[in-house]
Amino acid sequence: MTFQRARSEEQREIRRQAILDAAAAMLEQMPVAEVTLNELSRRVGLAKSNVLRYFESREAVLFELLERAMERWLEQVPDELAAGVDPRLSARERGDQVAAVLSASLARQTVLCDLINAQTGVLEHNVSVEVAVQYKRAAVKDIADAAAVIHRHLPELGDGARFVAIMTLILAGTLSVYCRPSASALAAYEADPTVAVLRMDLRTTLEHAVATLIAGALARA
């Protein structure tokens, strides 16, 4: 795909969307660390300097994809929780169900988890204050929305729903990497079954961690 210079706001938006679409496709094929501005420019058919007309850096592109992935997840998870949580059960039992639904939902969101994991270590290190503020504000809203959904099914948490929402997302991002072992680690598990206890499945590990988190938050509340 190649473009001529954008001369209207509509054309500029088409360019921006093409860049985002190309970056999103790359994230389906490779981890965040391997997404380079050079390869993104090649795939979208623009010079690197032209890509930087629309986004100040690779990290700014990825920040926008993070926000879009969060928005899509937040559109889906209310229905998933409504279907998976029985309001007639005790708070502890509902907490376990909320943990099960959230873990299953986030385990399917591979790109979202990768971007969450990269946020503080990668994405925030090559952006302007303006971009950082923009996406921090978006994150505050996203966390508030996630907390509201959790609170709907676990009102006993009170203000603790916000902490549960934050920690669930952080755990999902961190565990998504830990539960994706390298070829060398897989070979080690095969060579010595005694170390295979360290191999973890994302969904089940996240569910256990979030259920423990919710139980603790309920006890504190």
Protein backbone atom coordinates (compact mmCIF):
# COMPACT_ATOMS: atom_id res chain seq x y z
CA MET A 1 0.00 0.00 0.00
CA THR A 2 1.35 3.44 -0.91
CA PHE A 3 -0.08 6.89 -0.22
CA GLN A 4 0.25 10.34 -1.63
CA ARG A 5 0.47 13.23 0.79
CA ALA A 6 -2.71 13.78 2.78
CA ARG A 7 -4.33 17.12 1.96
CA SER A 8 -7.49 16.99 4.05
CA GLU A 9 -8.44 15.97 7.56
CA GLU A 10 -10.30 12.97 6.14
CA GLN A 11 -7.19 11.83 4.28
CA ARG A 12 -5.09 12.29 7.42
CA GLU A 13 -7.51 10.11 9.37
CA ILE A 14 -7.28 7.43 6.68
CA ARG A 15 -3.47 7.49 7.05
CA ARG A 16 -3.70 7.24 10.84
CA GLN A 17 -6.07 4.31 10.63
CA ALA A 18 -3.86 2.54 8.12
CA ILE A 19 -0.89 2.90 10.48
CA LEU A 20 -2.93 1.58 13.41
CA ASP A 21 -4.27 -1.33 11.35
CA ALA A 22 -0.76 -2.29 10.24
CA ALA A 23 0.56 -2.13 13.82
CA ALA A 24 -2.39 -4.18 15.06
CA ALA A 25 -1.68 -6.84 12.45
CA MET A 26 1.96 -6.95 13.54
CA LEU A 27 0.93 -7.49 17.17
CA GLU A 28 -1.06 -10.54 16.09
CA GLN A 29 2.19 -11.98 14.71
CA MET A 30 4.87 -10.87 17.16
CA PRO A 31 5.39 -9.52 20.70
CA VAL A 32 5.45 -5.80 21.39
CA ALA A 33 9.26 -5.72 21.61
CA GLU A 34 9.59 -6.84 17.99
CA VAL A 35 7.31 -4.15 16.54
CA THR A 36 9.69 -1.63 15.01
CA LEU A 37 8.99 1.69 13.36
CA ASN A 38 10.97 0.63 10.29
CA GLU A 39 8.88 -2.48 9.74
CA LEU A 40 5.65 -0.64 10.48
CA SER A 41 6.59 2.01 7.89
CA ARG A 42 7.36 -0.68 5.33
CA ARG A 43 4.07 -2.47 5.89
CA VAL A 44 1.95 0.65 5.71
CA GLY A 45 3.78 1.95 2.62
CA LEU A 46 4.99 5.23 4.12
CA ALA A 47 8.43 6.57 4.86
CA LYS A 48 9.30 6.50 8.56
CA SER A 49 9.34 10.30 8.60
CA ASN A 50 5.79 10.29 7.25
CA VAL A 51 4.59 7.87 9.92
CA LEU A 52 5.99 10.29 12.46
CA ARG A 53 3.76 13.01 11.04
CA TYR A 54 0.78 11.13 12.47
CA PHE A 55 2.27 9.61 15.63
CA GLU A 56 5.24 11.04 17.47
CA SER A 57 6.79 7.60 18.07
CA ARG A 58 6.26 3.84 17.84
CA GLU A 59 5.17 3.94 21.48
CA ALA A 60 2.45 6.49 20.72
CA VAL A 61 1.03 4.10 18.11
CA LEU A 62 1.06 1.26 20.63
CA PHE A 63 -0.55 3.44 23.29
CA GLU A 64 -3.49 4.09 20.98
CA LEU A 65 -3.80 0.37 20.27
CA LEU A 66 -3.77 -0.30 24.02
CA GLU A 67 -6.64 2.11 24.56
CA ARG A 68 -8.63 0.61 21.69
CA ALA A 69 -8.05 -2.92 22.99
CA MET A 70 -9.18 -1.84 26.46
CA GLU A 71 -12.33 -0.28 25.05
CA ARG A 72 -13.20 -3.48 23.16
CA TRP A 73 -12.65 -5.60 26.27
CA LEU A 74 -14.76 -3.27 28.40
CA GLU A 75 -17.57 -3.58 25.87
CA GLN A 76 -17.49 -7.39 26.14
CA VAL A 77 -16.88 -8.11 29.80
CA PRO A 78 -20.18 -6.79 31.26
CA ASP A 79 -22.19 -9.38 29.32
CA GLU A 80 -19.70 -12.10 30.22
CA LEU A 81 -20.00 -11.29 33.92
CA ALA A 82 -23.78 -11.06 33.73
CA ALA A 83 -23.87 -14.56 32.23
CA GLY A 84 -21.28 -16.05 34.57
CA VAL A 85 -22.14 -14.66 38.02
CA ASP A 86 -25.14 -15.86 40.03
CA PRO A 87 -26.49 -12.98 42.17
CA ARG A 88 -28.13 -15.46 44.57
CA LEU A 89 -24.79 -16.76 45.84
CA SER A 90 -22.70 -15.50 48.75
CA ALA A 91 -20.11 -12.78 48.24
CA ARG A 92 -17.29 -15.33 48.44
CA GLU A 93 -18.92 -17.57 45.83
CA ARG A 94 -19.66 -14.62 43.55
CA GLY A 95 -16.08 -13.50 44.00
CA ASP A 96 -14.86 -16.85 42.72
CA GLN A 97 -17.20 -16.57 39.74
CA VAL A 98 -16.05 -13.03 38.96
CA ALA A 99 -12.45 -14.25 39.08
CA ALA A 100 -13.26 -17.12 36.72
CA VAL A 101 -15.00 -14.85 34.20
CA LEU A 102 -12.33 -12.14 34.27
CA SER A 103 -9.48 -14.63 33.91
CA ALA A 104 -11.12 -16.45 31.00
CA SER A 105 -11.93 -13.16 29.29
CA LEU A 106 -8.46 -11.64 29.70
CA ALA A 107 -6.69 -14.87 28.74
CA ARG A 108 -8.32 -14.51 25.30
CA GLN A 109 -7.06 -10.93 24.94
CA THR A 110 -3.46 -11.72 24.03
CA VAL A 111 -2.65 -8.36 22.47
CA LEU A 112 -4.27 -6.40 25.31
CA CYS A 113 -2.27 -8.35 27.90
CA ASP A 114 0.98 -7.83 25.97
CA LEU A 115 0.38 -4.09 25.77
CA ILE A 116 -0.55 -3.82 29.46
CA ASN A 117 2.66 -5.64 30.35
CA ALA A 118 4.69 -3.28 28.15
CA GLN A 119 3.04 -0.08 29.34
CA THR A 120 5.36 1.06 32.11
CA GLY A 121 8.52 -0.67 30.91
CA VAL A 122 8.33 0.28 27.23
CA LEU A 123 5.46 2.50 26.11
CA GLU A 124 5.98 5.28 28.65
CA HIS A 125 9.66 5.78 27.82
CA ASN A 126 9.50 7.44 24.40
CA VAL A 127 6.47 9.72 24.47
CA SER A 128 5.89 13.38 25.24
CA VAL A 129 4.23 14.57 28.41
CA GLU A 130 1.17 15.45 26.33
CA VAL A 131 0.78 11.89 25.06
CA ALA A 132 1.49 10.42 28.49
CA VAL A 133 -1.18 12.60 30.09
CA GLN A 134 -3.67 11.72 27.35
CA TYR A 135 -3.33 7.99 27.88
CA LYS A 136 -3.07 8.22 31.67
CA ARG A 137 -6.44 9.98 31.62
CA ALA A 138 -7.81 7.23 29.41
CA ALA A 139 -6.44 4.63 31.84
CA VAL A 140 -8.16 6.32 34.79
CA LYS A 141 -11.48 6.13 32.95
CA ASP A 142 -10.92 2.52 31.89
CA ILE A 143 -10.11 1.46 35.46
CA ALA A 144 -13.19 3.27 36.74
CA ASP A 145 -15.34 1.47 34.15
CA ALA A 146 -13.83 -1.91 35.04
CA ALA A 147 -14.30 -1.23 38.76
CA ALA A 148 -17.95 -0.30 38.18
CA VAL A 149 -18.59 -3.59 36.38
CA ILE A 150 -16.93 -5.58 39.16
CA HIS A 151 -18.79 -3.60 41.84
CA ARG A 152 -22.09 -4.39 40.14
CA HIS A 153 -21.59 -8.06 40.95
CA LEU A 154 -19.68 -7.59 44.20
CA PRO A 155 -21.08 -4.47 45.92
CA GLU A 156 -19.59 -5.80 49.16
CA LEU A 157 -16.17 -4.68 47.87
CA GLY A 158 -17.08 -1.02 48.18
CA ASP A 159 -14.19 1.18 47.09
CA GLY A 160 -12.03 -1.95 46.96
CA ALA A 161 -13.47 -2.71 43.52
CA ARG A 162 -11.08 -0.16 42.03
CA PHE A 163 -8.05 -1.88 43.55
CA VAL A 164 -9.31 -5.26 42.32
CA ALA A 165 -9.72 -3.84 38.81
CA ILE A 166 -6.20 -2.35 38.74
CA MET A 167 -4.50 -5.44 40.12
CA THR A 168 -6.43 -7.82 37.85
CA LEU A 169 -5.18 -5.96 34.78
CA ILE A 170 -1.60 -5.81 36.09
CA LEU A 171 -1.66 -9.53 36.91
CA ALA A 172 -3.06 -10.35 33.47
CA GLY A 173 -0.29 -8.41 31.76
CA THR A 174 2.51 -9.85 33.88
CA LEU A 175 1.30 -13.45 33.84
CA SER A 176 0.68 -13.36 30.09
CA VAL A 177 4.47 -13.18 29.65
CA TYR A 178 5.39 -15.52 32.50
CA CYS A 179 2.97 -18.18 31.24
CA ARG A 180 4.45 -18.07 27.73
CA PRO A 181 7.74 -19.94 28.19
CA SER A 182 10.61 -19.79 25.72
CA ALA A 183 11.74 -22.79 23.70
CA SER A 184 14.63 -23.28 26.13
CA ALA A 185 12.29 -23.28 29.12
CA LEU A 186 9.97 -25.78 27.43
CA ALA A 187 12.95 -28.02 26.73
CA ALA A 188 13.98 -27.74 30.40
CA TYR A 189 10.53 -28.85 31.52
CA GLU A 190 10.81 -31.85 29.21
CA ALA A 191 14.32 -32.69 30.37
CA ASP A 192 13.56 -32.45 34.09
CA PRO A 193 9.95 -33.04 35.15
CA THR A 194 10.76 -31.84 38.68
CA VAL A 195 10.93 -28.25 37.41
CA ALA A 196 7.70 -28.51 35.42
CA VAL A 197 5.84 -27.25 38.49
CA LEU A 198 7.01 -23.80 37.40
CA ARG A 199 5.09 -24.06 34.12
CA MET A 200 1.78 -22.25 34.50
CA ASP A 201 -1.35 -21.88 32.42
CA LEU A 202 -2.46 -18.26 32.07
CA ARG A 203 -6.18 -18.74 32.59
CA THR A 204 -5.98 -21.02 35.63
CA THR A 205 -3.12 -19.11 37.26
CA LEU A 206 -4.84 -15.77 36.75
CA GLU A 207 -8.13 -17.16 38.08
CA HIS A 208 -6.46 -18.39 41.26
CA ALA A 209 -4.63 -15.09 41.75
CA VAL A 210 -7.72 -12.93 41.16
CA ALA A 211 -9.91 -15.14 43.37
CA THR A 212 -7.35 -14.78 46.17
CA LEU A 213 -7.19 -11.03 45.56
CA ILE A 214 -10.98 -10.68 45.72
CA ALA A 215 -11.25 -12.85 48.85
CA GLY A 216 -8.68 -10.65 50.55
CA ALA A 217 -10.40 -7.45 49.42
CA LEU A 218 -13.74 -8.75 50.72
CA ALA A 219 -12.18 -9.60 54.07
CA ARG A 220 -10.66 -6.12 54.35
CA ALA A 221 -13.90 -4.45 53.31
